Amino acid sequence: MNYYDRIQKGGRDANPFFTLMGVEIGEMGKGSAILRMPARPDMMNGEGWLQGGIFTALADEAMVLAIYPLLGHDERIATITETTSFFAGANEGALVARGRLVKQGRRVIFAEGDIMAEGSDRVIARSAAAYAVLRP
């Protein structure tokens, strides 16, 4: 059973990070996924803003869930590189991550993930990543 199958069967409990961070699975489909995560006080940095790595991790998870439905049953992926640009901060409410496929090659898959404050279409962070396709 691959990661996507485990998520479909067990929901967020199939991913310990989701459970720890309170991530909720919105939509998962071929080439797109939506996740939601509440911003909590213990996620803030010393300046009172959501720590930047949280944006990147949430975007990464959304991109991965957008990719997995496109893989063969015995294929997996591993992150090669990921870059996040931050346009604004957040310190309350919830974040929504939208992952989407950009290009699927035989050996490498490219994706993007946008982070917005819940209820807004304004992108506050964007991640771009490349993933290696792993076969047995």
C-alpha atoms as a PDB file:
ATOM      1  CA  MET A   1       0.000   0.000   0.000  1.00  0.00           C
ATOM      2  CA  ASN A   2       1.559   3.321  -1.043  1.00  0.00           C
ATOM      3  CA  TYR A   3       1.293   6.638   0.791  1.00  0.00           C
ATOM      4  CA  TYR A   4      -1.770   7.801  -1.150  1.00  0.00           C
ATOM      5  CA  ASP A   5      -3.609   4.551  -0.388  1.00  0.00           C
ATOM      6  CA  ARG A   6      -2.770   4.928   3.315  1.00  0.00           C
ATOM      7  CA  ILE A   7      -4.083   8.517   3.321  1.00  0.00           C
ATOM      8  CA  GLN A   8      -7.296   7.453   1.564  1.00  0.00           C
ATOM      9  CA  LYS A   9      -7.815   4.644   4.059  1.00  0.00           C
ATOM     10  CA  GLY A  10      -6.681   6.289   7.306  1.00  0.00           C
ATOM     11  CA  GLY A  11      -7.075   9.996   6.589  1.00  0.00           C
ATOM     12  CA  ARG A  12      -4.709  12.357   8.335  1.00  0.00           C
ATOM     13  CA  ASP A  13      -3.757   9.726  10.926  1.00  0.00           C
ATOM     14  CA  ALA A  14      -1.754   7.974   8.180  1.00  0.00           C
ATOM     15  CA  ASN A  15       0.714  10.886   8.393  1.00  0.00           C
ATOM     16  CA  PRO A  16       2.117  11.652  11.877  1.00  0.00           C
ATOM     17  CA  PHE A  17       3.000  15.222  10.779  1.00  0.00           C
ATOM     18  CA  PHE A  18      -0.659  15.868   9.933  1.00  0.00           C
ATOM     19  CA  THR A  19      -1.719  14.662  13.365  1.00  0.00           C
ATOM     20  CA  LEU A  20       0.961  16.702  15.162  1.00  0.00           C
ATOM     21  CA  MET A  21       0.227  19.927  13.270  1.00  0.00           C
ATOM     22  CA  GLY A  22      -3.558  19.581  13.036  1.00  0.00           C
ATOM     23  CA  VAL A  23      -3.526  19.351   9.240  1.00  0.00           C
ATOM     24  CA  GLU A  24      -6.896  18.569   7.671  1.00  0.00           C
ATOM     25  CA  ILE A  25      -7.178  17.001   4.236  1.00  0.00           C
ATOM     26  CA  GLY A  26      -9.487  18.939   1.934  1.00  0.00           C
ATOM     27  CA  GLU A  27      -9.271  17.600  -1.593  1.00  0.00           C
ATOM     28  CA  MET A  28      -6.949  15.150  -3.312  1.00  0.00           C
ATOM     29  CA  GLY A  29      -7.015  14.501  -7.012  1.00  0.00           C
ATOM     30  CA  LYS A  30      -4.844  13.860 -10.006  1.00  0.00           C
ATOM     31  CA  GLY A  31      -2.547  16.853 -10.057  1.00  0.00           C
ATOM     32  CA  SER A  32      -4.077  18.908  -7.235  1.00  0.00           C
ATOM     33  CA  ALA A  33      -4.630  18.814  -3.498  1.00  0.00           C
ATOM     34  CA  ILE A  34      -5.869  21.148  -0.770  1.00  0.00           C
ATOM     35  CA  LEU A  35      -4.879  21.045   2.898  1.00  0.00           C
ATOM     36  CA  ARG A  36      -5.883  23.211   5.877  1.00  0.00           C
ATOM     37  CA  MET A  37      -3.952  23.856   9.066  1.00  0.00           C
ATOM     38  CA  PRO A  38      -4.796  26.084  12.033  1.00  0.00           C
ATOM     39  CA  ALA A  39      -2.096  28.507  13.164  1.00  0.00           C
ATOM     40  CA  ARG A  40      -1.364  27.847  16.843  1.00  0.00           C
ATOM     41  CA  PRO A  41       0.677  29.856  19.349  1.00  0.00           C
ATOM     42  CA  ASP A  42       3.287  27.073  19.588  1.00  0.00           C
ATOM     43  CA  MET A  43       3.996  27.450  15.845  1.00  0.00           C
ATOM     44  CA  MET A  44       5.075  31.087  16.131  1.00  0.00           C
ATOM     45  CA  ASN A  45       8.630  32.380  16.011  1.00  0.00           C
ATOM     46  CA  GLY A  46      10.140  34.868  18.478  1.00  0.00           C
ATOM     47  CA  GLU A  47       8.621  37.799  16.578  1.00  0.00           C
ATOM     48  CA  GLY A  48       5.081  36.411  16.874  1.00  0.00           C
ATOM     49  CA  TRP A  49       4.760  35.214  13.265  1.00  0.00           C
ATOM     50  CA  LEU A  50       4.179  31.701  12.021  1.00  0.00           C
ATOM     51  CA  GLN A  51       7.612  30.126  11.598  1.00  0.00           C
ATOM     52  CA  GLY A  52       8.558  29.993   7.900  1.00  0.00           C
ATOM     53  CA  GLY A  53       9.350  26.282   7.839  1.00  0.00           C
ATOM     54  CA  ILE A  54       5.679  25.595   8.615  1.00  0.00           C
ATOM     55  CA  PHE A  55       4.681  27.262   5.324  1.00  0.00           C
ATOM     56  CA  THR A  56       7.210  25.146   3.427  1.00  0.00           C
ATOM     57  CA  ALA A  57       6.227  21.886   5.126  1.00  0.00           C
ATOM     58  CA  LEU A  58       2.515  22.457   4.507  1.00  0.00           C
ATOM     59  CA  ALA A  59       3.106  23.360   0.843  1.00  0.00           C
ATOM     60  CA  ASP A  60       5.319  20.280   0.428  1.00  0.00           C
ATOM     61  CA  GLU A  61       2.617  17.999   1.794  1.00  0.00           C
ATOM     62  CA  ALA A  62       0.012  19.519  -0.553  1.00  0.00           C
ATOM     63  CA  MET A  63       2.308  19.063  -3.548  1.00  0.00           C
ATOM     64  CA  VAL A  64       3.009  15.445  -2.596  1.00  0.00           C
ATOM     65  CA  LEU A  65      -0.713  14.668  -2.315  1.00  0.00           C
ATOM     66  CA  ALA A  66      -1.241  16.270  -5.734  1.00  0.00           C
ATOM     67  CA  ILE A  67       1.436  14.007  -7.232  1.00  0.00           C
ATOM     68  CA  TYR A  68       0.718  10.626  -5.650  1.00  0.00           C
ATOM     69  CA  PRO A  69      -2.543   9.897  -7.537  1.00  0.00           C
ATOM     70  CA  LEU A  70      -0.532  10.173 -10.778  1.00  0.00           C
ATOM     71  CA  LEU A  71       2.072   7.581  -9.784  1.00  0.00           C
ATOM     72  CA  GLY A  72       2.056   3.874 -10.474  1.00  0.00           C
ATOM     73  CA  HIS A  73       1.160   1.685  -7.500  1.00  0.00           C
ATOM     74  CA  ASP A  74       4.800   0.700  -6.872  1.00  0.00           C
ATOM     75  CA  GLU A  75       6.257   4.198  -7.442  1.00  0.00           C
ATOM     76  CA  ARG A  76       7.232   6.681  -4.746  1.00  0.00           C
ATOM     77  CA  ILE A  77       8.766  10.147  -4.755  1.00  0.00           C
ATOM     78  CA  ALA A  78      11.569  11.911  -2.904  1.00  0.00           C
ATOM     79  CA  THR A  79      12.161  15.651  -2.802  1.00  0.00           C
ATOM     80  CA  ILE A  80      15.172  16.769  -4.842  1.00  0.00           C
ATOM     81  CA  THR A  81      14.882  20.502  -4.223  1.00  0.00           C
ATOM     82  CA  GLU A  82      12.319  22.911  -2.820  1.00  0.00           C
ATOM     83  CA  THR A  83      12.292  26.698  -2.653  1.00  0.00           C
ATOM     84  CA  THR A  84       9.780  28.870  -0.833  1.00  0.00           C
ATOM     85  CA  SER A  85       9.140  32.569  -1.391  1.00  0.00           C
ATOM     86  CA  PHE A  86       7.374  34.450   1.408  1.00  0.00           C
ATOM     87  CA  PHE A  87       5.122  37.386   0.468  1.00  0.00           C
ATOM     88  CA  ALA A  88       3.383  38.026   3.807  1.00  0.00           C
ATOM     89  CA  GLY A  89       3.241  36.588   7.288  1.00  0.00           C
ATOM     90  CA  ALA A  90       0.475  34.986   9.317  1.00  0.00           C
ATOM     91  CA  ASN A  91      -0.088  34.802  13.054  1.00  0.00           C
ATOM     92  CA  GLU A  92      -3.695  33.724  13.518  1.00  0.00           C
ATOM     93  CA  GLY A  93      -6.534  31.834  11.866  1.00  0.00           C
ATOM     94  CA  ALA A  94      -5.820  28.964   9.522  1.00  0.00           C
ATOM     95  CA  LEU A  95      -3.696  28.404   6.447  1.00  0.00           C
ATOM     96  CA  VAL A  96      -4.831  26.692   3.262  1.00  0.00           C
ATOM     97  CA  ALA A  97      -2.295  24.980   1.006  1.00  0.00           C
ATOM     98  CA  ARG A  98      -3.009  24.241  -2.649  1.00  0.00           C
ATOM     99  CA  GLY A  99      -0.605  21.852  -4.327  1.00  0.00           C
ATOM    100  CA  ARG A 100      -0.540  21.396  -8.087  1.00  0.00           C
ATOM    101  CA  LEU A 101       1.418  19.475 -10.659  1.00  0.00           C
ATOM    102  CA  VAL A 102       3.493  21.605 -13.033  1.00  0.00           C
ATOM    103  CA  LYS A 103       5.191  18.929 -15.156  1.00  0.00           C
ATOM    104  CA  GLN A 104       5.431  15.168 -14.888  1.00  0.00           C
ATOM    105  CA  GLY A 105       8.449  13.527 -16.431  1.00  0.00           C
ATOM    106  CA  ARG A 106       9.469   9.904 -16.271  1.00  0.00           C
ATOM    107  CA  ARG A 107      12.164  10.517 -13.646  1.00  0.00           C
ATOM    108  CA  VAL A 108      11.377  13.964 -12.223  1.00  0.00           C
ATOM    109  CA  ILE A 109       8.102  15.675 -11.323  1.00  0.00           C
ATOM    110  CA  PHE A 110       7.735  19.423 -10.774  1.00  0.00           C
ATOM    111  CA  ALA A 111       5.047  20.953  -8.580  1.00  0.00           C
ATOM    112  CA  GLU A 112       4.038  24.201  -6.909  1.00  0.00           C
ATOM    113  CA  GLY A 113       2.292  24.853  -3.639  1.00  0.00           C
ATOM    114  CA  ASP A 114       0.543  28.079  -2.639  1.00  0.00           C
ATOM    115  CA  ILE A 115      -0.264  29.064   0.928  1.00  0.00           C
ATOM    116  CA  MET A 116      -3.168  31.424   1.644  1.00  0.00           C
ATOM    117  CA  ALA A 117      -4.898  32.608   4.779  1.00  0.00           C
ATOM    118  CA  GLU A 118      -8.220  30.784   5.054  1.00  0.00           C
ATOM    119  CA  GLY A 119     -10.978  32.787   3.350  1.00  0.00           C
ATOM    120  CA  SER A 120      -8.542  34.630   1.073  1.00  0.00           C
ATOM    121  CA  ASP A 121      -7.205  33.949  -2.412  1.00  0.00           C
ATOM    122  CA  ARG A 122      -4.127  36.100  -1.695  1.00  0.00           C
ATOM    123  CA  VAL A 123      -0.997  33.946  -1.876  1.00  0.00           C
ATOM    124  CA  ILE A 124       1.227  34.613   1.151  1.00  0.00           C
ATOM    125  CA  ALA A 125       3.881  31.989   0.292  1.00  0.00           C
ATOM    126  CA  ARG A 126       4.703  29.882  -2.752  1.00  0.00           C
ATOM    127  CA  SER A 127       6.880  26.789  -2.930  1.00  0.00           C
ATOM    128  CA  ALA A 128       8.282  25.189  -6.052  1.00  0.00           C
ATOM    129  CA  ALA A 129       9.758  21.704  -5.885  1.00  0.00           C
ATOM    130  CA  ALA A 130      11.239  18.913  -7.931  1.00  0.00           C
ATOM    131  CA  TYR A 131      10.683  15.283  -6.916  1.00  0.00           C
ATOM    132  CA  ALA A 132      12.546  12.180  -8.045  1.00  0.00           C
ATOM    133  CA  VAL A 133      10.325   9.285  -9.092  1.00  0.00           C
ATOM    134  CA  LEU A 134      11.508   6.122  -7.322  1.00  0.00           C
ATOM    135  CA  ARG A 135      10.785   2.666  -8.709  1.00  0.00           C
ATOM    136  CA  PRO A 136      11.595  -0.723  -7.169  1.00  0.00           C
END
